């Protein structure tokens, strides 16, 4: 989860540093890392970040089996990072409704994806 102060961003060299490391990875035939754009972002933003209260941004809903549903319902943003995505059969049943309540299962695209509530 990222919240940016764009005025502070413009006062730094973050964009150039980020693009430099993306280019270095491409030049190396992606041998520096295989995690996409996360590593150059971590390098570019090093020293320019602040932690967000975990009860505001709830992580781990795709791998934490003992998540307190009340905490999740009170979070500002919920993040299903991890393998147990709520649309997969391996999802944690007690968390699935946090996602399905926003899905229009009558939508033809959703129907074609064979996603179940």
PDB file of N, CA and C in Angstrom:
ATOM      1  N   UNK A   1       0.857  -1.161   0.000  1.00  0.00           N
ATOM      2  CA  UNK A   1       0.000   0.000   0.000  1.00  0.00           C
ATOM      3  C   UNK A   1       0.900   1.220   0.000  1.00  0.00           C
ATOM      4  N   UNK A   2       0.660   2.095  -0.931  1.00  0.00           N
ATOM      5  CA  UNK A   2       1.473   3.300  -1.037  1.00  0.00           C
ATOM      6  C   UNK A   2       0.583   4.537  -1.068  1.00  0.00           C
ATOM      7  N   UNK A   3       0.961   5.519  -0.311  1.00  0.00           N
ATOM      8  CA  UNK A   3       0.338   6.838  -0.352  1.00  0.00           C
ATOM      9  C   UNK A   3       1.487   7.803  -0.601  1.00  0.00           C
ATOM     10  N   UNK A   4       1.374   8.596  -1.646  1.00  0.00           N
ATOM     11  CA  UNK A   4       2.492   9.439  -2.049  1.00  0.00           C
ATOM     12  C   UNK A   4       2.238  10.908  -1.782  1.00  0.00           C
ATOM     13  N   UNK A   5       3.249  11.584  -1.289  1.00  0.00           N
ATOM     14  CA  UNK A   5       3.276  13.038  -1.197  1.00  0.00           C
ATOM     15  C   UNK A   5       3.950  13.501  -2.488  1.00  0.00           C
ATOM     16  N   UNK A   6       3.168  13.900  -3.459  1.00  0.00           N
ATOM     17  CA  UNK A   6       3.719  14.213  -4.776  1.00  0.00           C
ATOM     18  C   UNK A   6       4.641  15.426  -4.759  1.00  0.00           C
ATOM     19  N   UNK A   7       4.390  16.371  -3.875  1.00  0.00           N
ATOM     20  CA  UNK A   7       5.302  17.518  -3.782  1.00  0.00           C
ATOM     21  C   UNK A   7       6.668  17.065  -3.284  1.00  0.00           C
ATOM     22  N   UNK A   8       6.693  16.180  -2.290  1.00  0.00           N
ATOM     23  CA  UNK A   8       7.969  15.655  -1.783  1.00  0.00           C
ATOM     24  C   UNK A   8       8.645  14.800  -2.857  1.00  0.00           C
ATOM     25  N   UNK A   9       7.870  14.035  -3.592  1.00  0.00           N
ATOM     26  CA  UNK A   9       8.422  13.194  -4.660  1.00  0.00           C
ATOM     27  C   UNK A   9       9.156  14.058  -5.682  1.00  0.00           C
ATOM     28  N   UNK A  10       8.529  15.160  -6.077  1.00  0.00           N
ATOM     29  CA  UNK A  10       9.122  16.036  -7.100  1.00  0.00           C
ATOM     30  C   UNK A  10      10.420  16.681  -6.628  1.00  0.00           C
ATOM     31  N   UNK A  11      10.615  16.776  -5.320  1.00  0.00           N
ATOM     32  CA  UNK A  11      11.852  17.365  -4.778  1.00  0.00           C
ATOM     33  C   UNK A  11      12.990  16.353  -4.718  1.00  0.00           C
ATOM     34  N   UNK A  12      12.737  15.108  -5.100  1.00  0.00           N
ATOM     35  CA  UNK A  12      13.759  14.059  -5.022  1.00  0.00           C
ATOM     36  C   UNK A  12      14.143  13.575  -6.412  1.00  0.00           C
ATOM     37  N   UNK A  13      15.011  12.571  -6.433  1.00  0.00           N
ATOM     38  CA  UNK A  13      15.447  11.937  -7.672  1.00  0.00           C
ATOM     39  C   UNK A  13      14.846  10.528  -7.782  1.00  0.00           C
ATOM     40  N   UNK A  14      13.719  10.305  -7.141  1.00  0.00           N
ATOM     41  CA  UNK A  14      13.138   8.968  -7.058  1.00  0.00           C
ATOM     42  C   UNK A  14      12.807   8.400  -8.435  1.00  0.00           C
ATOM     43  N   UNK A  15      12.189   9.177  -9.296  1.00  0.00           N
ATOM     44  CA  UNK A  15      11.806   8.650 -10.620  1.00  0.00           C
ATOM     45  C   UNK A  15      13.020   8.195 -11.406  1.00  0.00           C
ATOM     46  N   UNK A  16      14.070   9.016 -11.436  1.00  0.00           N
ATOM     47  CA  UNK A  16      15.282   8.640 -12.171  1.00  0.00           C
ATOM     48  C   UNK A  16      15.944   7.406 -11.564  1.00  0.00           C
ATOM     49  N   UNK A  17      16.001   7.350 -10.250  1.00  0.00           N
ATOM     50  CA  UNK A  17      16.608   6.198  -9.592  1.00  0.00           C
ATOM     51  C   UNK A  17      15.814   4.923  -9.908  1.00  0.00           C
ATOM     52  N   UNK A  18      14.502   5.022  -9.862  1.00  0.00           N
ATOM     53  CA  UNK A  18      13.640   3.882 -10.164  1.00  0.00           C
ATOM     54  C   UNK A  18      13.871   3.411 -11.605  1.00  0.00           C
ATOM     55  N   UNK A  19      13.806   4.329 -12.560  1.00  0.00           N
ATOM     56  CA  UNK A  19      13.988   3.967 -13.966  1.00  0.00           C
ATOM     57  C   UNK A  19      15.392   3.405 -14.223  1.00  0.00           C
ATOM     58  N   UNK A  20      16.386   3.930 -13.517  1.00  0.00           N
ATOM     59  CA  UNK A  20      17.751   3.410 -13.653  1.00  0.00           C
ATOM     60  C   UNK A  20      17.801   1.927 -13.289  1.00  0.00           C
ATOM     61  N   UNK A  21      17.202   1.553 -12.157  1.00  0.00           N
ATOM     62  CA  UNK A  21      17.277   0.159 -11.710  1.00  0.00           C
ATOM     63  C   UNK A  21      16.411  -0.767 -12.555  1.00  0.00           C
ATOM     64  N   UNK A  22      15.300  -0.277 -13.078  1.00  0.00           N
ATOM     65  CA  UNK A  22      14.510  -1.086 -14.015  1.00  0.00           C
ATOM     66  C   UNK A  22      15.348  -1.354 -15.257  1.00  0.00           C
ATOM     67  N   UNK A  23      16.014  -0.317 -15.770  1.00  0.00           N
ATOM     68  CA  UNK A  23      16.853  -0.470 -16.965  1.00  0.00           C
ATOM     69  C   UNK A  23      18.014  -1.422 -16.703  1.00  0.00           C
ATOM     70  N   UNK A  24      18.636  -1.337 -15.512  1.00  0.00           N
ATOM     71  CA  UNK A  24      19.742  -2.237 -15.187  1.00  0.00           C
ATOM     72  C   UNK A  24      19.278  -3.696 -15.192  1.00  0.00           C
ATOM     73  N   UNK A  25      18.100  -3.931 -14.664  1.00  0.00           N
ATOM     74  CA  UNK A  25      17.583  -5.302 -14.640  1.00  0.00           C
ATOM     75  C   UNK A  25      17.280  -5.800 -16.047  1.00  0.00           C
ATOM     76  N   UNK A  26      16.739  -4.935 -16.891  1.00  0.00           N
ATOM     77  CA  UNK A  26      16.461  -5.320 -18.282  1.00  0.00           C
ATOM     78  C   UNK A  26      17.770  -5.612 -19.012  1.00  0.00           C
ATOM     79  N   UNK A  27      18.777  -4.754 -18.806  1.00  0.00           N
ATOM     80  CA  UNK A  27      20.093  -4.979 -19.431  1.00  0.00           C
ATOM     81  C   UNK A  27      20.713  -6.300 -18.999  1.00  0.00           C
ATOM     82  N   UNK A  28      20.436  -6.711 -17.771  1.00  0.00           N
ATOM     83  CA  UNK A  28      21.022  -7.950 -17.255  1.00  0.00           C
ATOM     84  C   UNK A  28      20.181  -9.175 -17.636  1.00  0.00           C
ATOM     85  N   UNK A  29      19.228  -8.981 -18.544  1.00  0.00           N
ATOM     86  CA  UNK A  29      18.316 -10.053 -18.959  1.00  0.00           C
ATOM     87  C   UNK A  29      17.521 -10.572 -17.755  1.00  0.00           C
ATOM     88  N   UNK A  30      17.125  -9.639 -16.914  1.00  0.00           N
ATOM     89  CA  UNK A  30      16.329  -9.903 -15.703  1.00  0.00           C
ATOM     90  C   UNK A  30      17.042 -10.821 -14.715  1.00  0.00           C
ATOM     91  N   UNK A  31      18.368 -10.747 -14.684  1.00  0.00           N
ATOM     92  CA  UNK A  31      19.121 -11.594 -13.760  1.00  0.00           C
ATOM     93  C   UNK A  31      19.353 -10.946 -12.392  1.00  0.00           C
ATOM     94  N   UNK A  32      19.085  -9.640 -12.251  1.00  0.00           N
ATOM     95  CA  UNK A  32      19.262  -9.005 -10.945  1.00  0.00           C
ATOM     96  C   UNK A  32      18.174  -9.450  -9.975  1.00  0.00           C
ATOM     97  N   UNK A  33      16.953  -9.558 -10.465  1.00  0.00           N
ATOM     98  CA  UNK A  33      15.823 -10.049  -9.675  1.00  0.00           C
ATOM     99  C   UNK A  33      14.715 -10.467 -10.628  1.00  0.00           C
ATOM    100  N   UNK A  34      13.816 -11.287 -10.112  1.00  0.00           N
ATOM    101  CA  UNK A  34      12.696 -11.765 -10.922  1.00  0.00           C
ATOM    102  C   UNK A  34      11.363 -11.351 -10.317  1.00  0.00           C
ATOM    103  N   UNK A  35      11.358 -10.365  -9.488  1.00  0.00           N
ATOM    104  CA  UNK A  35      10.147  -9.945  -8.795  1.00  0.00           C
ATOM    105  C   UNK A  35       9.505  -8.718  -9.433  1.00  0.00           C
ATOM    106  N   UNK A  36       9.682  -8.524 -10.718  1.00  0.00           N
ATOM    107  CA  UNK A  36       9.050  -7.401 -11.395  1.00  0.00           C
ATOM    108  C   UNK A  36       9.581  -6.057 -10.953  1.00  0.00           C
ATOM    109  N   UNK A  37       8.668  -5.153 -10.616  1.00  0.00           N
ATOM    110  CA  UNK A  37       9.045  -3.779 -10.306  1.00  0.00           C
ATOM    111  C   UNK A  37       9.210  -3.520  -8.808  1.00  0.00           C
ATOM    112  N   UNK A  38       8.969  -4.500  -7.969  1.00  0.00           N
ATOM    113  CA  UNK A  38       9.090  -4.261  -6.533  1.00  0.00           C
ATOM    114  C   UNK A  38      10.515  -3.900  -6.108  1.00  0.00           C
ATOM    115  N   UNK A  39      11.552  -4.663  -6.494  1.00  0.00           N
ATOM    116  CA  UNK A  39      12.909  -4.302  -6.042  1.00  0.00           C
ATOM    117  C   UNK A  39      13.365  -2.893  -6.430  1.00  0.00           C
ATOM    118  N   UNK A  40      13.170  -2.441  -7.689  1.00  0.00           N
ATOM    119  CA  UNK A  40      13.607  -1.062  -7.962  1.00  0.00           C
ATOM    120  C   UNK A  40      12.806  -0.033  -7.176  1.00  0.00           C
ATOM    121  N   UNK A  41      11.564  -0.343  -6.893  1.00  0.00           N
ATOM    122  CA  UNK A  41      10.768   0.553  -6.060  1.00  0.00           C
ATOM    123  C   UNK A  41      11.316   0.625  -4.644  1.00  0.00           C
ATOM    124  N   UNK A  42      11.706  -0.521  -4.116  1.00  0.00           N
ATOM    125  CA  UNK A  42      12.293  -0.540  -2.765  1.00  0.00           C
ATOM    126  C   UNK A  42      13.599   0.240  -2.719  1.00  0.00           C
ATOM    127  N   UNK A  43      14.404   0.114  -3.768  1.00  0.00           N
ATOM    128  CA  UNK A  43      15.668   0.851  -3.840  1.00  0.00           C
ATOM    129  C   UNK A  43      15.391   2.357  -3.948  1.00  0.00           C
ATOM    130  N   UNK A  44      14.516   2.739  -4.856  1.00  0.00           N
ATOM    131  CA  UNK A  44      14.255   4.160  -5.101  1.00  0.00           C
ATOM    132  C   UNK A  44      13.629   4.852  -3.895  1.00  0.00           C
ATOM    133  N   UNK A  45      12.758   4.153  -3.190  1.00  0.00           N
ATOM    134  CA  UNK A  45      12.045   4.778  -2.078  1.00  0.00           C
ATOM    135  C   UNK A  45      12.727   4.582  -0.732  1.00  0.00           C
ATOM    136  N   UNK A  46      13.878   3.902  -0.721  1.00  0.00           N
ATOM    137  CA  UNK A  46      14.581   3.678   0.537  1.00  0.00           C
ATOM    138  C   UNK A  46      14.855   5.019   1.238  1.00  0.00           C
ATOM    139  N   UNK A  47      14.452   5.099   2.476  1.00  0.00           N
ATOM    140  CA  UNK A  47      14.651   6.314   3.259  1.00  0.00           C
ATOM    141  C   UNK A  47      13.561   7.358   3.075  1.00  0.00           C
ATOM    142  N   UNK A  48      12.590   7.064   2.223  1.00  0.00           N
ATOM    143  CA  UNK A  48      11.514   8.025   1.959  1.00  0.00           C
ATOM    144  C   UNK A  48      10.143   7.478   2.330  1.00  0.00           C
ATOM    145  N   UNK A  49      10.098   6.460   3.165  1.00  0.00           N
ATOM    146  CA  UNK A  49       8.812   5.830   3.471  1.00  0.00           C
ATOM    147  C   UNK A  49       8.497   5.905   4.956  1.00  0.00           C
ATOM    148  N   UNK A  50       7.222   5.808   5.255  1.00  0.00           N
ATOM    149  CA  UNK A  50       6.728   5.757   6.623  1.00  0.00           C
ATOM    150  C   UNK A  50       5.760   4.590   6.712  1.00  0.00           C
ATOM    151  N   UNK A  51       5.739   3.935   7.839  1.00  0.00           N
ATOM    152  CA  UNK A  51       4.873   2.784   8.044  1.00  0.00           C
ATOM    153  C   UNK A  51       3.431   3.248   8.208  1.00  0.00           C
ATOM    154  N   UNK A  52       2.528   2.494   7.607  1.00  0.00           N
ATOM    155  CA  UNK A  52       1.096   2.740   7.758  1.00  0.00           C
ATOM    156  C   UNK A  52       0.581   1.827   8.858  1.00  0.00           C
ATOM    157  N   UNK A  53      -0.264   2.347   9.717  1.00  0.00           N
ATOM    158  CA  UNK A  53      -0.848   1.551  10.795  1.00  0.00           C
ATOM    159  C   UNK A  53      -1.463   0.277  10.218  1.00  0.00           C
ATOM    160  N   UNK A  54      -1.051  -0.895  10.708  1.00  0.00           N
ATOM    161  CA  UNK A  54      -1.551  -2.142  10.137  1.00  0.00           C
ATOM    162  C   UNK A  54      -3.056  -2.339  10.279  1.00  0.00           C
ATOM    163  N   UNK A  55      -3.691  -1.645  11.191  1.00  0.00           N
ATOM    164  CA  UNK A  55      -5.143  -1.758  11.300  1.00  0.00           C
ATOM    165  C   UNK A  55      -5.848  -0.892  10.272  1.00  0.00           C
ATOM    166  N   UNK A  56      -5.104  -0.015   9.615  1.00  0.00           N
ATOM    167  CA  UNK A  56      -5.675   0.751   8.517  1.00  0.00           C
ATOM    168  C   UNK A  56      -5.529  -0.027   7.224  1.00  0.00           C
ATOM    169  N   UNK A  57      -4.371  -0.624   7.023  1.00  0.00           N
ATOM    170  CA  UNK A  57      -4.089  -1.419   5.822  1.00  0.00           C
ATOM    171  C   UNK A  57      -3.815  -2.850   6.275  1.00  0.00           C
ATOM    172  N   UNK A  58      -4.779  -3.714   6.092  1.00  0.00           N
ATOM    173  CA  UNK A  58      -4.688  -5.087   6.581  1.00  0.00           C
ATOM    174  C   UNK A  58      -4.105  -5.991   5.516  1.00  0.00           C
ATOM    175  N   UNK A  59      -2.898  -6.488   5.760  1.00  0.00           N
ATOM    176  CA  UNK A  59      -2.184  -7.377   4.838  1.00  0.00           C
ATOM    177  C   UNK A  59      -2.401  -8.839   5.207  1.00  0.00           C
ATOM    178  N   UNK A  60      -2.004  -9.706   4.309  1.00  0.00           N
ATOM    179  CA  UNK A  60      -1.885 -11.120   4.623  1.00  0.00           C
ATOM    180  C   UNK A  60      -3.147 -11.936   4.566  1.00  0.00           C
ATOM    181  N   UNK A  61      -4.203 -11.396   3.987  1.00  0.00           N
ATOM    182  CA  UNK A  61      -5.467 -12.122   4.014  1.00  0.00           C
ATOM    183  C   UNK A  61      -5.466 -13.341   3.099  1.00  0.00           C
ATOM    184  N   UNK A  62      -4.424 -13.512   2.323  1.00  0.00           N
ATOM    185  CA  UNK A  62      -4.313 -14.686   1.473  1.00  0.00           C
ATOM    186  C   UNK A  62      -3.394 -15.747   2.047  1.00  0.00           C
ATOM    187  N   UNK A  63      -2.890 -15.546   3.273  1.00  0.00           N
ATOM    188  CA  UNK A  63      -2.048 -16.581   3.867  1.00  0.00           C
ATOM    189  C   UNK A  63      -2.184 -16.705   5.383  1.00  0.00           C
ATOM    190  N   UNK A  64      -2.877 -15.802   6.034  1.00  0.00           N
ATOM    191  CA  UNK A  64      -3.013 -15.880   7.491  1.00  0.00           C
ATOM    192  C   UNK A  64      -4.334 -16.558   7.846  1.00  0.00           C
ATOM    193  N   UNK A  65      -4.235 -17.733   8.403  1.00  0.00           N
ATOM    194  CA  UNK A  65      -5.437 -18.506   8.714  1.00  0.00           C
ATOM    195  C   UNK A  65      -6.192 -17.990   9.929  1.00  0.00           C
ATOM    196  N   UNK A  66      -5.532 -17.334  10.844  1.00  0.00           N
ATOM    197  CA  UNK A  66      -6.176 -16.925  12.096  1.00  0.00           C
ATOM    198  C   UNK A  66      -6.466 -15.429  12.131  1.00  0.00           C
ATOM    199  N   UNK A  67      -6.908 -14.880  11.029  1.00  0.00           N
ATOM    200  CA  UNK A  67      -7.213 -13.453  10.945  1.00  0.00           C
ATOM    201  C   UNK A  67      -8.494 -13.151  11.702  1.00  0.00           C
ATOM    202  N   UNK A  68      -8.481 -12.079  12.474  1.00  0.00           N
ATOM    203  CA  UNK A  68      -9.665 -11.641  13.199  1.00  0.00           C
ATOM    204  C   UNK A  68     -10.583 -10.897  12.232  1.00  0.00           C
ATOM    205  N   UNK A  69     -11.749 -11.468  11.972  1.00  0.00           N
ATOM    206  CA  UNK A  69     -12.676 -10.902  10.992  1.00  0.00           C
ATOM    207  C   UNK A  69     -13.130  -9.500  11.406  1.00  0.00           C
ATOM    208  N   UNK A  70     -13.290  -9.255  12.696  1.00  0.00           N
ATOM    209  CA  UNK A  70     -13.681  -7.908  13.151  1.00  0.00           C
ATOM    210  C   UNK A  70     -12.621  -6.875  12.785  1.00  0.00           C
ATOM    211  N   UNK A  71     -11.342  -7.233  12.941  1.00  0.00           N
ATOM    212  CA  UNK A  71     -10.262  -6.322  12.558  1.00  0.00           C
ATOM    213  C   UNK A  71     -10.306  -6.041  11.062  1.00  0.00           C
ATOM    214  N   UNK A  72     -10.554  -7.067  10.280  1.00  0.00           N
ATOM    215  CA  UNK A  72     -10.616  -6.910   8.821  1.00  0.00           C
ATOM    216  C   UNK A  72     -11.761  -5.983   8.436  1.00  0.00           C
ATOM    217  N   UNK A  73     -12.906  -6.177   9.044  1.00  0.00           N
ATOM    218  CA  UNK A  73     -14.073  -5.352   8.710  1.00  0.00           C
ATOM    219  C   UNK A  73     -13.878  -3.893   9.101  1.00  0.00           C
ATOM    220  N   UNK A  74     -12.993  -3.620  10.051  1.00  0.00           N
ATOM    221  CA  UNK A  74     -12.727  -2.243  10.479  1.00  0.00           C
ATOM    222  C   UNK A  74     -11.542  -1.609   9.763  1.00  0.00           C
ATOM    223  N   UNK A  75     -10.839  -2.374   8.940  1.00  0.00           N
ATOM    224  CA  UNK A  75      -9.674  -1.849   8.220  1.00  0.00           C
ATOM    225  C   UNK A  75     -10.116  -0.915   7.097  1.00  0.00           C
ATOM    226  N   UNK A  76      -9.264   0.031   6.762  1.00  0.00           N
ATOM    227  CA  UNK A  76      -9.547   0.936   5.653  1.00  0.00           C
ATOM    228  C   UNK A  76      -9.357   0.263   4.310  1.00  0.00           C
ATOM    229  N   UNK A  77      -8.339  -0.593   4.225  1.00  0.00           N
ATOM    230  CA  UNK A  77      -8.011  -1.314   2.997  1.00  0.00           C
ATOM    231  C   UNK A  77      -7.675  -2.742   3.391  1.00  0.00           C
ATOM    232  N   UNK A  78      -8.238  -3.705   2.681  1.00  0.00           N
ATOM    233  CA  UNK A  78      -7.874  -5.098   2.919  1.00  0.00           C
ATOM    234  C   UNK A  78      -7.110  -5.614   1.713  1.00  0.00           C
ATOM    235  N   UNK A  79      -6.085  -6.424   1.986  1.00  0.00           N
ATOM    236  CA  UNK A  79      -5.165  -6.850   0.937  1.00  0.00           C
ATOM    237  C   UNK A  79      -5.027  -8.373   0.974  1.00  0.00           C
ATOM    238  N   UNK A  80      -5.548  -9.020  -0.050  1.00  0.00           N
ATOM    239  CA  UNK A  80      -5.472 -10.473  -0.142  1.00  0.00           C
ATOM    240  C   UNK A  80      -4.164 -10.894  -0.791  1.00  0.00           C
ATOM    241  N   UNK A  81      -3.046 -10.470  -0.203  1.00  0.00           N
ATOM    242  CA  UNK A  81      -1.762 -10.957  -0.700  1.00  0.00           C
ATOM    243  C   UNK A  81      -1.558 -12.360  -0.138  1.00  0.00           C
ATOM    244  N   UNK A  82      -0.846 -13.178  -0.881  1.00  0.00           N
ATOM    245  CA  UNK A  82      -0.694 -14.577  -0.519  1.00  0.00           C
ATOM    246  C   UNK A  82      -1.444 -15.454  -1.505  1.00  0.00           C
ATOM    247  N   UNK A  83      -1.362 -16.748  -1.304  1.00  0.00           N
ATOM    248  CA  UNK A  83      -1.913 -17.693  -2.280  1.00  0.00           C
ATOM    249  C   UNK A  83      -3.421 -17.868  -2.197  1.00  0.00           C
ATOM    250  N   UNK A  84      -4.017 -17.727  -1.036  1.00  0.00           N
ATOM    251  CA  UNK A  84      -5.441 -18.024  -0.851  1.00  0.00           C
ATOM    252  C   UNK A  84      -6.313 -16.829  -1.242  1.00  0.00           C
ATOM    253  N   UNK A  85      -6.293 -16.511  -2.526  1.00  0.00           N
ATOM    254  CA  UNK A  85      -7.125 -15.404  -3.020  1.00  0.00           C
ATOM    255  C   UNK A  85      -8.597 -15.750  -2.796  1.00  0.00           C
ATOM    256  N   UNK A  86      -9.439 -14.765  -2.520  1.00  0.00           N
ATOM    257  CA  UNK A  86     -10.827 -15.068  -2.159  1.00  0.00           C
ATOM    258  C   UNK A  86     -11.646 -15.691  -3.291  1.00  0.00           C
ATOM    259  N   UNK A  87     -11.198 -15.599  -4.522  1.00  0.00           N
ATOM    260  CA  UNK A  87     -11.923 -16.182  -5.648  1.00  0.00           C
ATOM    261  C   UNK A  87     -11.472 -17.609  -5.954  1.00  0.00           C
ATOM    262  N   UNK A  88     -10.496 -18.121  -5.201  1.00  0.00           N
ATOM    263  CA  UNK A  88     -10.000 -19.482  -5.408  1.00  0.00           C
ATOM    264  C   UNK A  88     -10.616 -20.446  -4.398  1.00  0.00           C
ATOM    265  N   UNK A  89     -10.642 -21.706  -4.758  1.00  0.00           N
ATOM    266  CA  UNK A  89     -11.177 -22.731  -3.857  1.00  0.00           C
ATOM    267  C   UNK A  89     -10.392 -22.827  -2.560  1.00  0.00           C
ATOM    268  N   UNK A  90      -9.125 -22.435  -2.569  1.00  0.00           N
ATOM    269  CA  UNK A  90      -8.289 -22.525  -1.366  1.00  0.00           C
ATOM    270  C   UNK A  90      -8.453 -21.314  -0.438  1.00  0.00           C
ATOM    271  N   UNK A  91      -9.368 -20.403  -0.777  1.00  0.00           N
ATOM    272  CA  UNK A  91      -9.594 -19.210   0.055  1.00  0.00           C
ATOM    273  C   UNK A  91     -10.094 -19.612   1.439  1.00  0.00           C
ATOM    274  N   UNK A  92      -9.830 -18.756   2.401  1.00  0.00           N
ATOM    275  CA  UNK A  92     -10.354 -18.987   3.746  1.00  0.00           C
ATOM    276  C   UNK A  92     -11.838 -18.631   3.743  1.00  0.00           C
ATOM    277  N   UNK A  93     -12.708 -19.593   4.043  1.00  0.00           N
ATOM    278  CA  UNK A  93     -14.161 -19.367   3.925  1.00  0.00           C
ATOM    279  C   UNK A  93     -14.664 -18.163   4.712  1.00  0.00           C
ATOM    280  N   UNK A  94     -14.091 -17.913   5.891  1.00  0.00           N
ATOM    281  CA  UNK A  94     -14.578 -16.800   6.723  1.00  0.00           C
ATOM    282  C   UNK A  94     -14.238 -15.429   6.143  1.00  0.00           C
ATOM    283  N   UNK A  95     -13.307 -15.387   5.158  1.00  0.00           N
ATOM    284  CA  UNK A  95     -12.921 -14.111   4.551  1.00  0.00           C
ATOM    285  C   UNK A  95     -13.510 -13.915   3.150  1.00  0.00           C
ATOM    286  N   UNK A  96     -14.005 -14.964   2.546  1.00  0.00           N
ATOM    287  CA  UNK A  96     -14.482 -14.899   1.166  1.00  0.00           C
ATOM    288  C   UNK A  96     -15.566 -13.838   0.979  1.00  0.00           C
ATOM    289  N   UNK A  97     -16.478 -13.706   1.927  1.00  0.00           N
ATOM    290  CA  UNK A  97     -17.584 -12.751   1.769  1.00  0.00           C
ATOM    291  C   UNK A  97     -17.103 -11.300   1.731  1.00  0.00           C
ATOM    292  N   UNK A  98     -15.905 -11.029   2.262  1.00  0.00           N
ATOM    293  CA  UNK A  98     -15.361  -9.665   2.210  1.00  0.00           C
ATOM    294  C   UNK A  98     -15.083  -9.238   0.779  1.00  0.00           C
ATOM    295  N   UNK A  99     -14.892 -10.200  -0.094  1.00  0.00           N
ATOM    296  CA  UNK A  99     -14.636  -9.938  -1.515  1.00  0.00           C
ATOM    297  C   UNK A  99     -15.905 -10.113  -2.341  1.00  0.00           C
ATOM    298  N   UNK A 100     -16.622 -11.204  -2.094  1.00  0.00           N
ATOM    299  CA  UNK A 100     -17.770 -11.535  -2.950  1.00  0.00           C
ATOM    300  C   UNK A 100     -18.894 -10.505  -2.868  1.00  0.00           C
ATOM    301  N   UNK A 101     -18.999  -9.794  -1.765  1.00  0.00           N
ATOM    302  CA  UNK A 101     -20.082  -8.808  -1.664  1.00  0.00           C
ATOM    303  C   UNK A 101     -19.937  -7.663  -2.671  1.00  0.00           C
ATOM    304  N   UNK A 102     -18.751  -7.523  -3.276  1.00  0.00           N
ATOM    305  CA  UNK A 102     -18.522  -6.469  -4.264  1.00  0.00           C
ATOM    306  C   UNK A 102     -18.533  -6.980  -5.707  1.00  0.00           C
ATOM    307  N   UNK A 103     -18.764  -8.272  -5.892  1.00  0.00           N
ATOM    308  CA  UNK A 103     -18.696  -8.867  -7.219  1.00  0.00           C
ATOM    309  C   UNK A 103     -20.096  -9.004  -7.804  1.00  0.00           C
ATOM    310  N   UNK A 104     -20.252  -8.576  -9.042  1.00  0.00           N
ATOM    311  CA  UNK A 104     -21.519  -8.743  -9.757  1.00  0.00           C
ATOM    312  C   UNK A 104     -21.462 -10.081 -10.490  1.00  0.00           C
ATOM    313  N   UNK A 105     -22.001 -11.113  -9.871  1.00  0.00           N
ATOM    314  CA  UNK A 105     -21.919 -12.448 -10.444  1.00  0.00           C
ATOM    315  C   UNK A 105     -22.800 -12.621 -11.684  1.00  0.00           C
ATOM    316  N   UNK A 106     -23.615 -11.628 -11.998  1.00  0.00           N
ATOM    317  CA  UNK A 106     -24.409 -11.701 -13.223  1.00  0.00           C
ATOM    318  C   UNK A 106     -23.637 -11.153 -14.429  1.00  0.00           C
ATOM    319  N   UNK A 107     -22.489 -10.512 -14.179  1.00  0.00           N
ATOM    320  CA  UNK A 107     -21.663  -9.963 -15.251  1.00  0.00           C
ATOM    321  C   UNK A 107     -21.150 -11.095 -16.144  1.00  0.00           C
ATOM    322  N   UNK A 108     -21.221 -10.897 -17.466  1.00  0.00           N
ATOM    323  CA  UNK A 108     -20.839 -11.981 -18.382  1.00  0.00           C
ATOM    324  C   UNK A 108     -19.351 -12.323 -18.281  1.00  0.00           C
ATOM    325  N   UNK A 109     -18.503 -11.338 -18.001  1.00  0.00           N
ATOM    326  CA  UNK A 109     -17.080 -11.631 -17.852  1.00  0.00           C
ATOM    327  C   UNK A 109     -16.841 -12.489 -16.615  1.00  0.00           C
ATOM    328  N   UNK A 110     -17.470 -12.124 -15.504  1.00  0.00           N
ATOM    329  CA  UNK A 110     -17.326 -12.892 -14.262  1.00  0.00           C
ATOM    330  C   UNK A 110     -17.836 -14.318 -14.488  1.00  0.00           C
ATOM    331  N   UNK A 111     -18.968 -14.433 -15.190  1.00  0.00           N
ATOM    332  CA  UNK A 111     -19.496 -15.775 -15.492  1.00  0.00           C
ATOM    333  C   UNK A 111     -18.497 -16.587 -16.307  1.00  0.00           C
ATOM    334  N   UNK A 112     -17.841 -15.946 -17.255  1.00  0.00           N
ATOM    335  CA  UNK A 112     -16.888 -16.670 -18.105  1.00  0.00           C
ATOM    336  C   UNK A 112     -15.627 -17.094 -17.333  1.00  0.00           C
ATOM    337  N   UNK A 113     -15.364 -16.454 -16.196  1.00  0.00           N
ATOM    338  CA  UNK A 113     -14.215 -16.799 -15.373  1.00  0.00           C
ATOM    339  C   UNK A 113     -14.483 -17.982 -14.447  1.00  0.00           C
ATOM    340  N   UNK A 114     -15.748 -18.412 -14.403  1.00  0.00           N
ATOM    341  CA  UNK A 114     -16.131 -19.547 -13.564  1.00  0.00           C
ATOM    342  C   UNK A 114     -15.819 -19.294 -12.093  1.00  0.00           C
ATOM    343  N   UNK A 115     -16.074 -18.062 -11.629  1.00  0.00           N
ATOM    344  CA  UNK A 115     -15.853 -17.677 -10.242  1.00  0.00           C
ATOM    345  C   UNK A 115     -17.147 -17.920  -9.473  1.00  0.00           C
ATOM    346  N   UNK A 116     -17.010 -18.538  -8.304  1.00  0.00           N
ATOM    347  CA  UNK A 116     -18.183 -18.834  -7.488  1.00  0.00           C
ATOM    348  C   UNK A 116     -18.185 -17.975  -6.221  1.00  0.00           C
ATOM    349  N   UNK A 117     -19.390 -17.710  -5.744  1.00  0.00           N
ATOM    350  CA  UNK A 117     -19.530 -16.938  -4.507  1.00  0.00           C
ATOM    351  C   UNK A 117     -19.174 -17.793  -3.312  1.00  0.00           C
TER     352      UNK A 117
END
